[in-house]
Amino acid sequence: MNLIHRAATGAACAALLVLGACASAPGRPIGWGEPQVLVAPSSFTGVHGLAVDGKGRLLAGSVVGYEMWEVDRNTGAAKVFIPAPEGQADDIAVGPMGELAWTNYLMGMVRYRESDSAPMKVLAKDLPGLNSLDFDRKTGKLYASQVFLGDALWELDVAGVAPPRLIAKDMGGFNGFEVGPDGMLYGPLWFKGQVVKIDPANGAITVINNEFQTPAAANLDGKGNLWVVDTKVGQLSKVELATGRKTVVKQLQASLDNLAIAPDGTIYVSNMANNQIQAYNPATDALRTLTSGKLAVPAGLKIDGNTLWVADIFGFREVNASSGDVLDVFRMHSATSEMEYPFAVGVSTKQFALASWFTGTVQLIDRTTRKTVKTIHGLKAPYDALPMEDGSVLYAEIATGNITRASGTEYATTAVVASGLKGPVQMTLGRDGALYVTEAAGTLTRIDLATGVKTEVASGLALPEGVAQTPWGSFIVAEAAAGKLTEIDLVTGAKRTVADKLPIGRPAGPGMPPPYVVTGVAVGADGSVYFSANRNNAVYKVRPQR
């Protein structure tokens, strides 16, 4: 470090002592190293529906990623089969002549094509939560169900001429189903813990078994059995159609989503929380992992000591900042979880706060017991939340432009801390006691929590998302639209690039807000910068150079 740099650093530190920075903290580095992988990338962006087509290809759908993938059944190598946004698939069905249909869950559509080279058609639209579908392989009829954002079963016209025919509604969440050779529809009722068959002619429901926790999907093996995955307890089970008798065949992990049975009898199972597909051989009881990840869709993150806390959309994870080892705190839909698709996380000494703009919730969790203290519902797209040491919580709603403090019994007492923000995305508490927030419009803003006074720290940023303060007082911001991390000097406002050409800034699909899956940023005590990569599901570490 030359004398000029030492002097500049000393002057900045003297100014920042007023803000509580620099005291026995590492000085400003001369630069940054190349990003290093802390948690390895994985395929998909959450994996859901599976199908084996007439060419023997294993197809896998992703909702958050808006893509359909092809997975090599021998090696597990995966590649995009139908790109975003048309490829979004919660479930995939193969017709009797090799036709392909899939559900665009977030778009409320069913897409269809007769072959790889044929044009895509939209067979249904304006049906929110279109989830599962399948063909009758004898008649060519196509059926689809709505789950979570609706609760109905439809027959669709593959010619795309006639409107969808309503078969039944308010069934209890008819999820991953299959049409049997008898023309009946076999599948689970998610919210009732049942496996049923439904007559598509009149919607009549017959219960086959009611011993499940949260059955997510079911497939027939052609031998008189229905294979079922239970997402809540992570089990693969077999149900005899003749007797309804259930046998748990394989204990897997929670967050199972779907399954597909290949002509050779191999059962492929997907797990949304691990970007995982496993292959099970019923004849030998052998289980093989084709592809898997440590994280699903890492978004907001915070650091505490040597631990990174990661909101992973389908999980809440604890990551060792040195080794990259990943531990589950919660998994989506598991027996011990009450999560609602977390996109951001806040951390205090006593609590975690998980925010989900998708479900409009902030979930407060006791750090010691890992029990939910309160889930605040009905919020207007909360993009971040910070639990405070006094027991209150701050949350930023992008739809209102407000940052609100909730406190008291059941967090029922609310007060707007700041308003008029242009898309508040991520927040961090500065060492000066102020709140710093990125705004999607391109600014980093300081908010005095006592007065609500807003001060612009930096402008002209390209969709800023994650933000964290360095030990020497500057701020690191993820500019998602530019694919880079930027350091902002709090005293001079000067900017310098920490790292660029990063796998961040996943584009939002139709109808989704531009800050989609946020890029989380955290800075350790030694000045190392950590960030989540929503284009490949990894977490990276950037070391300062001195």
Protein backbone atom coordinates (compact mmCIF):
# COMPACT_ATOMS: atom_id res chain seq x y z
CA MET A 1 0.00 0.00 0.00
CA ASN A 2 1.58 3.30 -1.03
CA LEU A 3 1.71 6.43 1.17
CA ILE A 4 -0.96 8.25 -0.83
CA HIS A 5 -3.36 5.32 -0.43
CA ARG A 6 -2.54 5.09 3.29
CA ALA A 7 -3.30 8.76 3.75
CA ALA A 8 -6.55 8.53 1.81
CA THR A 9 -7.61 5.48 3.77
CA GLY A 10 -6.73 7.17 7.06
CA ALA A 11 -8.73 10.27 6.17
CA ALA A 12 -11.75 8.22 5.16
CA CYS A 13 -11.48 6.16 8.33
CA ALA A 14 -11.35 9.29 10.45
CA ALA A 15 -14.52 10.54 8.80
CA LEU A 16 -16.21 7.17 9.20
CA LEU A 17 -15.36 6.87 12.88
CA VAL A 18 -18.31 9.16 13.39
CA LEU A 19 -20.44 6.44 11.77
CA GLY A 20 -18.94 3.66 13.86
CA ALA A 21 -16.80 2.15 11.11
CA CYS A 22 -13.06 1.46 10.92
CA ALA A 23 -12.57 0.88 14.65
CA SER A 24 -10.17 -2.07 14.75
CA ALA A 25 -11.49 -3.06 11.32
CA PRO A 26 -9.48 -4.00 8.21
CA GLY A 27 -8.69 -1.09 5.93
CA ARG A 28 -9.97 -0.53 2.45
CA PRO A 29 -8.39 -3.07 0.09
CA ILE A 30 -6.51 -2.10 -3.06
CA GLY A 31 -8.70 -4.45 -5.08
CA TRP A 32 -10.56 -7.72 -5.21
CA GLY A 33 -9.78 -11.26 -6.25
CA GLU A 34 -11.78 -13.31 -8.71
CA PRO A 35 -15.06 -14.75 -7.38
CA GLN A 36 -14.56 -18.22 -5.92
CA VAL A 37 -17.28 -20.85 -5.72
CA LEU A 38 -18.37 -21.40 -2.12
CA VAL A 39 -21.49 -23.49 -2.87
CA ALA A 40 -21.42 -25.25 -6.23
CA PRO A 41 -23.88 -24.49 -9.04
CA SER A 42 -26.67 -26.89 -10.01
CA SER A 43 -29.13 -27.42 -12.83
CA PHE A 44 -32.73 -26.15 -12.85
CA THR A 45 -34.16 -23.40 -10.65
CA GLY A 46 -36.25 -25.66 -8.49
CA VAL A 47 -37.30 -28.87 -10.27
CA HIS A 48 -40.87 -30.15 -10.49
CA GLY A 49 -42.71 -32.18 -13.14
CA LEU A 50 -41.04 -35.14 -14.82
CA ALA A 51 -41.81 -37.18 -17.93
CA VAL A 52 -40.10 -39.77 -20.08
CA ASP A 53 -41.04 -39.20 -23.71
CA GLY A 54 -41.25 -41.59 -26.66
CA LYS A 55 -37.60 -41.01 -27.47
CA GLY A 56 -36.57 -42.07 -23.97
CA ARG A 57 -35.66 -38.55 -22.91
CA LEU A 58 -36.17 -37.58 -19.29
CA LEU A 59 -37.77 -34.12 -19.22
CA ALA A 60 -37.89 -31.95 -16.12
CA GLY A 61 -39.82 -28.74 -15.51
CA SER A 62 -38.92 -25.62 -13.55
CA VAL A 63 -41.45 -22.98 -12.52
CA VAL A 64 -39.19 -20.29 -11.07
CA GLY A 65 -36.72 -20.75 -13.92
CA TYR A 66 -39.40 -20.72 -16.65
CA GLU A 67 -37.58 -23.57 -18.42
CA MET A 68 -37.95 -27.22 -19.36
CA TRP A 69 -34.80 -29.32 -19.15
CA GLU A 70 -33.60 -32.59 -20.63
CA VAL A 71 -31.66 -34.88 -18.27
CA ASP A 72 -29.41 -37.71 -19.42
CA ARG A 73 -30.77 -40.84 -17.73
CA ASN A 74 -27.28 -42.35 -17.46
CA THR A 75 -25.01 -39.46 -16.55
CA GLY A 76 -27.43 -36.92 -15.08
CA ALA A 77 -26.09 -34.20 -17.38
CA ALA A 78 -28.81 -31.61 -17.90
CA LYS A 79 -29.47 -29.00 -20.56
CA VAL A 80 -32.31 -26.63 -21.37
CA PHE A 81 -34.84 -28.31 -23.67
CA ILE A 82 -37.39 -25.49 -24.05
CA PRO A 83 -36.09 -22.08 -22.95
CA ALA A 84 -37.79 -19.37 -20.93
CA PRO A 85 -40.44 -18.19 -20.74
CA GLU A 86 -42.44 -20.68 -22.84
CA GLY A 87 -40.69 -23.64 -21.23
CA GLN A 88 -42.01 -22.97 -17.72
CA ALA A 89 -43.40 -26.31 -16.54
CA ASP A 90 -44.90 -27.46 -13.30
CA ASP A 91 -45.87 -30.73 -15.01
CA ILE A 92 -45.20 -32.38 -18.35
CA ALA A 93 -47.34 -34.92 -20.26
CA VAL A 94 -46.56 -37.07 -23.30
CA GLY A 95 -49.40 -37.97 -25.69
CA PRO A 96 -50.07 -41.23 -27.55
CA MET A 97 -48.40 -39.92 -30.73
CA GLY A 98 -45.47 -38.30 -28.97
CA GLU A 99 -47.19 -34.97 -28.41
CA LEU A 100 -45.96 -32.86 -25.54
CA ALA A 101 -48.03 -30.66 -23.22
CA TRP A 102 -46.95 -28.72 -20.14
CA THR A 103 -48.36 -26.32 -17.58
CA ASN A 104 -47.12 -22.73 -17.38
CA TYR A 105 -48.09 -22.50 -13.72
CA LEU A 106 -47.41 -18.80 -13.08
CA MET A 107 -48.87 -17.79 -16.44
CA GLY A 108 -52.05 -19.87 -16.04
CA MET A 109 -51.51 -21.55 -19.40
CA VAL A 110 -51.12 -24.98 -20.99
CA ARG A 111 -48.77 -25.18 -23.96
CA TYR A 112 -48.67 -27.99 -26.50
CA ARG A 113 -46.70 -29.13 -29.51
CA GLU A 114 -47.04 -32.21 -31.69
CA SER A 115 -43.30 -32.74 -32.15
CA ASP A 116 -39.93 -31.09 -31.53
CA SER A 117 -40.18 -29.22 -34.82
CA ALA A 118 -43.87 -28.32 -34.60
CA PRO A 119 -45.00 -24.87 -33.47
CA MET A 120 -46.23 -24.36 -29.92
CA LYS A 121 -49.92 -23.84 -29.26
CA VAL A 122 -51.68 -22.45 -26.21
CA LEU A 123 -54.53 -24.81 -25.28
CA ALA A 124 -55.67 -22.99 -22.14
CA LYS A 125 -55.08 -19.61 -20.54
CA ASP A 126 -56.36 -17.41 -17.74
CA LEU A 127 -56.49 -20.40 -15.37
CA PRO A 128 -54.16 -19.46 -12.47
CA GLY A 129 -52.26 -22.34 -10.91
CA LEU A 130 -52.51 -24.81 -13.77
CA ASN A 131 -50.45 -27.51 -12.16
CA SER A 132 -50.73 -31.08 -13.39
CA LEU A 133 -51.88 -32.64 -16.65
CA ASP A 134 -51.96 -35.91 -18.57
CA PHE A 135 -53.20 -37.49 -21.78
CA ASP A 136 -55.56 -40.43 -22.12
CA ARG A 137 -53.31 -42.60 -24.25
CA LYS A 138 -56.27 -44.41 -25.83
CA THR A 139 -58.43 -41.45 -26.78
CA GLY A 140 -55.86 -38.63 -26.92
CA LYS A 141 -57.94 -36.52 -24.53
CA LEU A 142 -55.99 -34.10 -22.36
CA TYR A 143 -56.84 -33.21 -18.76
CA ALA A 144 -55.34 -30.52 -16.52
CA SER A 145 -55.82 -29.43 -12.91
CA GLN A 146 -55.46 -26.19 -11.00
CA VAL A 147 -53.85 -26.35 -7.55
CA PHE A 148 -52.91 -23.67 -4.96
CA LEU A 149 -53.99 -20.71 -7.10
CA GLY A 150 -57.20 -22.53 -7.96
CA ASP A 151 -58.83 -25.92 -7.35
CA ALA A 152 -60.40 -27.42 -10.44
CA LEU A 153 -60.11 -30.17 -13.05
CA TRP A 154 -60.55 -29.49 -16.77
CA GLU A 155 -60.66 -31.32 -20.09
CA LEU A 156 -58.76 -29.41 -22.76
CA ASP A 157 -59.30 -29.46 -26.52
CA VAL A 158 -55.97 -30.41 -28.13
CA ALA A 159 -57.18 -28.76 -31.34
CA GLY A 160 -57.38 -25.50 -29.39
CA VAL A 161 -60.87 -24.74 -30.70
CA ALA A 162 -63.33 -25.62 -27.93
CA PRO A 163 -63.02 -23.92 -24.53
CA PRO A 164 -61.90 -26.01 -21.53
CA ARG A 165 -64.62 -28.20 -20.03
CA LEU A 166 -64.93 -28.02 -16.24
CA ILE A 167 -65.05 -31.52 -14.77
CA ALA A 168 -64.90 -30.78 -11.05
CA LYS A 169 -63.89 -28.08 -8.59
CA ASP A 170 -63.05 -27.73 -4.89
CA MET A 171 -61.61 -31.24 -4.78
CA GLY A 172 -58.79 -30.58 -2.34
CA GLY A 173 -55.83 -30.01 -4.68
CA PHE A 174 -55.71 -32.72 -7.37
CA ASN A 175 -51.96 -32.60 -7.96
CA GLY A 176 -49.60 -34.76 -10.04
CA PHE A 177 -52.03 -37.25 -11.63
CA GLU A 178 -52.05 -39.83 -14.40
CA VAL A 179 -54.76 -41.22 -16.69
CA GLY A 180 -55.12 -44.98 -16.35
CA PRO A 181 -55.86 -47.50 -19.10
CA ASP A 182 -59.46 -47.51 -17.85
CA GLY A 183 -59.80 -43.81 -18.61
CA MET A 184 -59.95 -42.87 -14.92
CA LEU A 185 -57.69 -40.17 -13.47
CA TYR A 186 -55.47 -41.36 -10.60
CA GLY A 187 -53.73 -38.90 -8.32
CA PRO A 188 -53.39 -37.24 -4.90
CA LEU A 189 -55.53 -34.70 -3.11
CA TRP A 190 -52.80 -32.53 -1.61
CA PHE A 191 -54.90 -30.92 1.10
CA LYS A 192 -56.77 -34.06 2.15
CA GLY A 193 -53.93 -36.60 2.40
CA GLN A 194 -55.71 -38.92 0.01
CA VAL A 195 -54.99 -40.79 -3.19
CA VAL A 196 -58.07 -40.99 -5.38
CA LYS A 197 -59.43 -41.80 -8.80
CA ILE A 198 -61.72 -39.39 -10.62
CA ASP A 199 -64.19 -40.20 -13.38
CA PRO A 200 -63.63 -37.51 -16.05
CA ALA A 201 -67.18 -37.98 -17.32
CA ASN A 202 -68.85 -36.63 -14.19
CA GLY A 203 -66.11 -35.72 -11.70
CA ALA A 204 -67.04 -38.52 -9.26
CA ILE A 205 -64.24 -39.14 -6.74
CA THR A 206 -63.34 -42.53 -5.27
CA VAL A 207 -60.85 -42.63 -2.41
CA ILE A 208 -58.19 -45.33 -2.82
CA ASN A 209 -56.09 -44.53 0.28
CA ASN A 210 -56.21 -41.79 2.93
CA GLU A 211 -53.02 -42.49 4.88
CA PHE A 212 -50.77 -39.78 3.46
CA GLN A 213 -49.53 -36.52 4.95
CA THR A 214 -49.15 -34.37 1.84
CA PRO A 215 -49.21 -36.52 -1.30
CA ALA A 216 -47.79 -34.56 -4.23
CA ALA A 217 -47.94 -36.92 -7.21
CA ALA A 218 -48.89 -40.44 -8.24
CA ASN A 219 -48.10 -42.68 -11.23
CA LEU A 220 -49.29 -46.12 -12.34
CA ASP A 221 -46.77 -48.87 -13.00
CA GLY A 222 -49.01 -51.08 -15.15
CA LYS A 223 -48.79 -53.86 -12.55
CA GLY A 224 -51.74 -52.89 -10.41
CA ASN A 225 -49.85 -50.38 -8.28
CA LEU A 226 -49.93 -46.64 -7.83
CA TRP A 227 -46.61 -45.07 -6.81
CA VAL A 228 -46.95 -41.97 -4.66
CA VAL A 229 -44.55 -39.32 -3.33
CA ASP A 230 -45.39 -37.64 -0.03
CA THR A 231 -43.66 -34.27 0.10
CA LYS A 232 -44.21 -33.62 3.81
CA VAL A 233 -42.45 -36.74 5.06
CA GLY A 234 -40.24 -37.42 2.03
CA GLN A 235 -41.50 -40.91 1.28
CA LEU A 236 -41.96 -42.94 -1.88
CA SER A 237 -44.83 -45.39 -1.39
CA LYS A 238 -46.67 -48.06 -3.32
CA VAL A 239 -50.46 -48.43 -3.15
CA GLU A 240 -52.21 -51.56 -4.40
CA LEU A 241 -55.18 -50.49 -6.50
CA ALA A 242 -57.16 -53.62 -5.69
CA THR A 243 -56.94 -53.29 -1.90
CA GLY A 244 -55.76 -49.71 -1.26
CA ARG A 245 -52.95 -51.11 0.89
CA LYS A 246 -50.04 -48.69 1.26
CA THR A 247 -46.39 -49.69 1.61
CA VAL A 248 -43.62 -47.18 2.24
CA VAL A 249 -40.90 -48.32 -0.13
CA LYS A 250 -38.18 -45.68 0.21
CA GLN A 251 -37.44 -42.94 2.71
CA LEU A 252 -36.16 -39.89 0.89
CA GLN A 253 -36.06 -36.21 1.89
CA ALA A 254 -38.98 -33.84 2.29
CA SER A 255 -39.91 -31.44 -0.52
CA LEU A 256 -40.55 -34.17 -3.08
CA ASP A 257 -42.53 -32.84 -6.02
CA ASN A 258 -43.17 -35.34 -8.80
CA LEU A 259 -42.30 -38.68 -10.34
CA ALA A 260 -42.24 -40.47 -13.68
CA ILE A 261 -42.03 -44.18 -14.47
CA ALA A 262 -39.98 -45.18 -17.50
CA PRO A 263 -40.88 -48.17 -19.73
CA ASP A 264 -38.13 -50.21 -18.06
CA GLY A 265 -39.79 -49.67 -14.66
CA THR A 266 -37.31 -47.12 -13.30
CA ILE A 267 -39.02 -44.53 -11.13
CA TYR A 268 -37.64 -40.99 -11.35
CA VAL A 269 -38.39 -38.67 -8.43
CA SER A 270 -37.83 -34.91 -8.22
CA ASN A 271 -37.04 -32.85 -5.13
CA MET A 272 -37.61 -29.10 -5.44
CA ALA A 273 -35.42 -28.16 -2.44
CA ASN A 274 -32.30 -29.85 -3.83
CA ASN A 275 -32.68 -29.46 -7.60
CA GLN A 276 -32.49 -33.21 -7.36
CA ILE A 277 -33.65 -36.10 -9.51
CA GLN A 278 -33.20 -39.64 -8.22
CA ALA A 279 -33.72 -42.94 -10.02
CA TYR A 280 -35.22 -45.86 -8.10
CA ASN A 281 -35.22 -49.46 -9.34
CA PRO A 282 -38.15 -51.37 -7.75
CA ALA A 283 -36.67 -54.71 -8.78
CA THR A 284 -33.39 -54.23 -6.93
CA ASP A 285 -34.32 -51.50 -4.43
CA ALA A 286 -31.34 -49.51 -5.74
CA LEU A 287 -31.50 -45.72 -5.50
CA ARG A 288 -29.25 -43.54 -7.64
CA THR A 289 -28.96 -39.75 -7.65
CA LEU A 290 -28.87 -38.50 -11.22
CA THR A 291 -28.35 -34.83 -10.42
CA SER A 292 -28.53 -32.71 -7.30
CA GLY A 293 -27.56 -29.39 -5.74
CA LYS A 294 -26.83 -28.07 -2.27
CA LEU A 295 -29.16 -25.13 -2.84
CA ALA A 296 -32.32 -24.69 -4.89
CA VAL A 297 -32.76 -21.00 -5.74
CA PRO A 298 -30.52 -18.89 -3.45
CA ALA A 299 -31.79 -15.34 -3.09
CA GLY A 300 -31.38 -12.98 -0.12
CA LEU A 301 -28.62 -13.76 2.36
CA LYS A 302 -27.09 -12.36 5.55
CA ILE A 303 -23.94 -13.21 7.48
CA ASP A 304 -23.47 -13.64 11.23
CA GLY A 305 -19.96 -14.57 12.30
CA ASN A 306 -18.87 -17.39 10.01
CA THR A 307 -22.39 -18.40 9.03
CA LEU A 308 -24.34 -17.35 5.99
CA TRP A 309 -28.12 -17.55 6.28
CA VAL A 310 -29.68 -18.07 2.87
CA ALA A 311 -33.29 -17.65 1.77
CA ASP A 312 -33.43 -20.40 -0.83
CA ILE A 313 -37.11 -20.11 -1.97
CA PHE A 314 -37.64 -23.86 -1.49
CA GLY A 315 -35.55 -23.94 1.68
CA PHE A 316 -33.89 -21.91 4.41
CA ARG A 317 -30.21 -22.81 4.64
CA GLU A 318 -27.20 -22.34 6.90
CA VAL A 319 -23.92 -22.15 4.97
CA ASN A 320 -20.45 -22.29 6.49
CA ALA A 321 -18.67 -19.23 5.08
CA SER A 322 -15.30 -21.01 5.13
CA SER A 323 -16.07 -24.51 3.90
CA GLY A 324 -19.31 -23.97 1.98
CA ASP A 325 -20.99 -26.80 3.88
CA VAL A 326 -24.78 -26.47 3.75
CA LEU A 327 -27.26 -27.42 6.48
CA ASP A 328 -31.04 -27.34 6.29
CA VAL A 329 -32.94 -25.12 8.67
CA PHE A 330 -36.27 -25.65 6.88
CA ARG A 331 -37.41 -27.32 3.69
CA MET A 332 -40.51 -26.33 1.78
CA HIS A 333 -43.63 -28.36 2.62
CA SER A 334 -41.78 -30.47 5.20
CA ALA A 335 -43.28 -31.57 8.51
CA THR A 336 -41.12 -29.12 10.47
CA SER A 337 -41.56 -26.12 8.18
CA GLU A 338 -44.11 -23.35 7.93
CA MET A 339 -42.22 -21.49 5.23
CA GLU A 340 -43.93 -19.70 2.39
CA TYR A 341 -41.30 -19.53 -0.36
CA PRO A 342 -38.73 -17.16 1.23
CA PHE A 343 -36.97 -14.71 -1.09
CA ALA A 344 -35.09 -12.76 1.59
CA VAL A 345 -33.79 -13.19 5.13
CA GLY A 346 -33.04 -10.83 7.99
CA VAL A 347 -31.08 -11.75 11.12
CA SER A 348 -30.92 -10.40 14.66
CA THR A 349 -29.39 -11.99 17.75
CA LYS A 350 -32.78 -13.48 18.65
CA GLN A 351 -34.73 -13.94 15.44
CA PHE A 352 -34.75 -14.66 11.73
CA ALA A 353 -37.19 -12.95 9.40
CA LEU A 354 -38.09 -14.61 6.09
CA ALA A 355 -39.81 -12.39 3.53
CA SER A 356 -41.76 -13.60 0.51
CA TRP A 357 -43.08 -11.09 -1.99
CA PHE A 358 -44.77 -13.99 -3.78
CA THR A 359 -47.03 -14.87 -0.84
CA GLY A 360 -47.08 -11.42 0.78
CA THR A 361 -45.66 -12.69 4.08
CA VAL A 362 -42.97 -12.09 6.67
CA GLN A 363 -42.22 -15.06 8.93
CA LEU A 364 -40.48 -14.43 12.25
CA ILE A 365 -38.54 -17.35 13.71
CA ASP A 366 -36.93 -17.81 17.11
CA ARG A 367 -33.24 -18.53 16.52
CA THR A 368 -32.93 -20.79 19.57
CA THR A 369 -36.00 -22.98 19.16
CA ARG A 370 -36.34 -22.64 15.36
CA LYS A 371 -40.06 -22.20 15.96
CA THR A 372 -42.21 -19.67 14.15
CA VAL A 373 -43.11 -16.75 16.39
CA LYS A 374 -45.47 -15.10 13.94
CA THR A 375 -46.20 -15.01 10.23
CA ILE A 376 -47.48 -11.64 9.09
CA HIS A 377 -49.85 -12.07 6.14
CA GLY A 378 -51.47 -9.70 3.69
CA LEU A 379 -48.44 -7.54 2.91
CA LYS A 380 -47.91 -5.80 -0.43
CA ALA A 381 -44.99 -7.68 -1.95
CA PRO A 382 -42.45 -7.52 0.90
CA TYR A 383 -38.98 -7.83 -0.61
CA ASP A 384 -37.01 -7.80 2.61
CA ALA A 385 -37.47 -7.84 6.38
CA LEU A 386 -35.12 -7.10 9.28
CA PRO A 387 -35.86 -8.25 12.84
CA MET A 388 -34.71 -5.59 15.30
CA GLU A 389 -33.07 -6.10 18.69
CA ASP A 390 -36.04 -4.44 20.42
CA GLY A 391 -38.34 -7.18 19.11
CA SER A 392 -39.91 -5.19 16.29
CA VAL A 393 -39.47 -5.93 12.59
CA LEU A 394 -38.90 -3.67 9.60
CA TYR A 395 -40.26 -4.75 6.24
CA ALA A 396 -40.03 -3.16 2.80
CA GLU A 397 -43.04 -3.42 0.48
CA ILE A 398 -42.21 -2.82 -3.14
CA ALA A 399 -45.86 -2.40 -4.10
CA THR A 400 -46.38 0.54 -1.72
CA GLY A 401 -42.90 2.03 -1.64
CA ASN A 402 -43.05 1.93 2.16
CA ILE A 403 -40.81 0.64 4.89
CA THR A 404 -42.90 -0.24 7.92
CA ARG A 405 -42.09 -1.16 11.51
CA ALA A 406 -44.35 -3.78 13.11
CA SER A 407 -44.25 -4.32 16.88
CA GLY A 408 -46.28 -5.25 19.93
CA THR A 409 -48.58 -8.22 20.46
CA GLU A 410 -48.86 -10.27 17.26
CA TYR A 411 -46.93 -7.44 15.57
CA ALA A 412 -50.27 -5.69 15.17
CA THR A 413 -48.88 -2.21 15.85
CA THR A 414 -47.52 -0.76 12.62
CA ALA A 415 -45.91 2.54 11.74
CA VAL A 416 -44.56 3.67 8.38
CA VAL A 417 -40.87 4.52 8.81
CA ALA A 418 -40.37 5.83 5.28
CA SER A 419 -42.59 6.24 2.23
CA GLY A 420 -42.25 7.29 -1.38
CA LEU A 421 -39.44 4.86 -2.11
CA LYS A 422 -39.12 3.82 -5.75
CA GLY A 423 -39.16 0.08 -5.39
CA PRO A 424 -37.43 -0.82 -2.10
CA VAL A 425 -35.64 -4.13 -2.63
CA GLN A 426 -33.05 -5.02 0.04
CA MET A 427 -32.10 -3.44 3.36
CA THR A 428 -29.23 -3.44 5.82
CA LEU A 429 -28.56 -1.63 9.07
CA GLY A 430 -25.53 0.62 8.93
CA ARG A 431 -23.06 0.97 11.76
CA ASP A 432 -24.36 4.52 12.21
CA GLY A 433 -27.76 3.10 13.20
CA ALA A 434 -29.42 4.20 9.97
CA LEU A 435 -31.18 1.95 7.49
CA TYR A 436 -29.75 1.60 4.00
CA VAL A 437 -32.03 0.38 1.23
CA THR A 438 -31.64 -0.29 -2.48
CA GLU A 439 -34.36 1.02 -4.74
CA ALA A 440 -35.12 -0.71 -8.03
CA ALA A 441 -35.19 2.69 -9.74
CA GLY A 442 -31.41 2.81 -9.29
CA THR A 443 -30.49 4.34 -5.95
CA LEU A 444 -28.98 3.45 -2.61
CA THR A 445 -30.77 5.45 0.08
CA ARG A 446 -30.04 6.16 3.73
CA ILE A 447 -33.03 6.40 6.08
CA ASP A 448 -32.85 7.90 9.55
CA LEU A 449 -35.00 5.52 11.58
CA ALA A 450 -35.81 8.19 14.17
CA THR A 451 -37.02 10.86 11.75
CA GLY A 452 -37.71 9.01 8.49
CA VAL A 453 -35.48 11.47 6.63
CA LYS A 454 -34.16 9.99 3.38
CA THR A 455 -30.75 10.81 1.92
CA GLU A 456 -29.55 9.61 -1.45
CA VAL A 457 -26.20 7.85 -1.12
CA ALA A 458 -25.76 6.82 -4.76
CA SER A 459 -27.77 6.92 -7.97
CA GLY A 460 -27.51 5.57 -11.50
CA LEU A 461 -27.30 1.96 -10.34
CA ALA A 462 -28.58 -0.80 -12.66
CA LEU A 463 -31.39 -2.52 -10.75
CA PRO A 464 -29.61 -2.60 -7.36
CA GLU A 465 -30.63 -5.50 -5.12
CA GLY A 466 -28.50 -6.96 -2.32
CA VAL A 467 -26.59 -4.51 -0.13
CA ALA A 468 -24.14 -4.87 2.76
CA GLN A 469 -21.63 -2.64 4.57
CA THR A 470 -17.91 -3.37 4.64
CA PRO A 471 -15.80 -3.21 7.82
CA TRP A 472 -14.18 -0.01 6.49
CA GLY A 473 -17.57 1.69 6.01
CA SER A 474 -18.35 1.50 2.30
CA PHE A 475 -21.30 -0.42 0.86
CA ILE A 476 -21.35 -3.31 -1.61
CA VAL A 477 -24.38 -3.37 -3.92
CA ALA A 478 -25.40 -6.00 -6.47
CA GLU A 479 -26.32 -4.30 -9.74
CA ALA A 480 -28.43 -7.13 -11.13
CA ALA A 481 -29.12 -5.59 -14.53
CA ALA A 482 -25.38 -5.03 -15.09
CA GLY A 483 -24.29 -8.40 -13.69
CA LYS A 484 -21.82 -6.89 -11.27
CA LEU A 485 -21.01 -5.96 -7.67
CA THR A 486 -20.19 -2.33 -6.97
CA GLU A 487 -18.51 -0.73 -3.97
CA ILE A 488 -19.83 2.71 -2.98
CA ASP A 489 -17.75 5.03 -0.82
CA LEU A 490 -20.03 6.57 1.80
CA VAL A 491 -17.90 9.71 2.14
CA THR A 492 -17.17 10.58 -1.49
CA GLY A 493 -19.86 8.63 -3.33
CA ALA A 494 -17.19 7.12 -5.56
CA LYS A 495 -17.89 3.73 -7.12
CA ARG A 496 -15.61 0.90 -8.08
CA THR A 497 -16.33 -2.55 -9.45
CA VAL A 498 -15.78 -5.48 -7.11
CA ALA A 499 -16.64 -8.17 -9.67
CA ASP A 500 -18.47 -8.26 -13.00
CA LYS A 501 -19.79 -10.62 -15.66
CA LEU A 502 -21.51 -12.51 -12.84
CA PRO A 503 -24.27 -15.16 -13.16
CA ILE A 504 -26.84 -12.87 -11.54
CA GLY A 505 -29.85 -10.93 -12.76
CA ARG A 506 -32.18 -13.76 -13.77
CA PRO A 507 -34.88 -12.08 -15.88
CA ALA A 508 -38.43 -12.03 -14.62
CA GLY A 509 -41.04 -13.96 -16.55
CA PRO A 510 -44.33 -12.56 -17.84
CA GLY A 511 -46.31 -10.90 -15.07
CA MET A 512 -43.46 -11.03 -12.57
CA PRO A 513 -41.83 -7.92 -11.05
CA PRO A 514 -38.38 -6.92 -12.43
CA PRO A 515 -36.55 -7.52 -9.13
CA TYR A 516 -37.42 -11.21 -9.43
CA VAL A 517 -35.09 -13.53 -7.53
CA VAL A 518 -32.90 -11.02 -5.73
CA THR A 519 -29.14 -11.25 -5.61
CA GLY A 520 -28.19 -11.41 -1.95
CA VAL A 521 -25.01 -9.73 -0.71
CA ALA A 522 -23.16 -10.11 2.60
CA VAL A 523 -19.74 -8.96 3.84
CA GLY A 524 -17.72 -10.84 6.44
CA ALA A 525 -15.59 -9.38 9.23
CA ASP A 526 -12.43 -9.80 7.11
CA GLY A 527 -14.02 -7.89 4.22
CA SER A 528 -14.83 -10.94 2.08
CA VAL A 529 -17.94 -10.41 -0.03
CA TYR A 530 -20.50 -13.17 -0.52
CA PHE A 531 -23.26 -13.17 -3.11
CA SER A 532 -25.97 -15.51 -4.36
CA ALA A 533 -26.13 -16.33 -8.07
CA ASN A 534 -29.66 -16.83 -9.32
CA ARG A 535 -28.61 -17.93 -12.80
CA ASN A 536 -26.84 -21.09 -11.61
CA ASN A 537 -27.92 -21.53 -7.95
CA ALA A 538 -24.44 -21.02 -6.51
CA VAL A 539 -22.95 -18.84 -3.77
CA TYR A 540 -19.64 -17.10 -4.42
CA LYS A 541 -16.96 -15.51 -2.28
CA VAL A 542 -14.82 -12.53 -3.31
CA ARG A 543 -11.74 -11.88 -1.20
CA PRO A 544 -10.27 -8.40 -0.73
CA GLN A 545 -6.68 -7.88 -1.90
CA ARG A 546 -4.26 -5.90 0.25
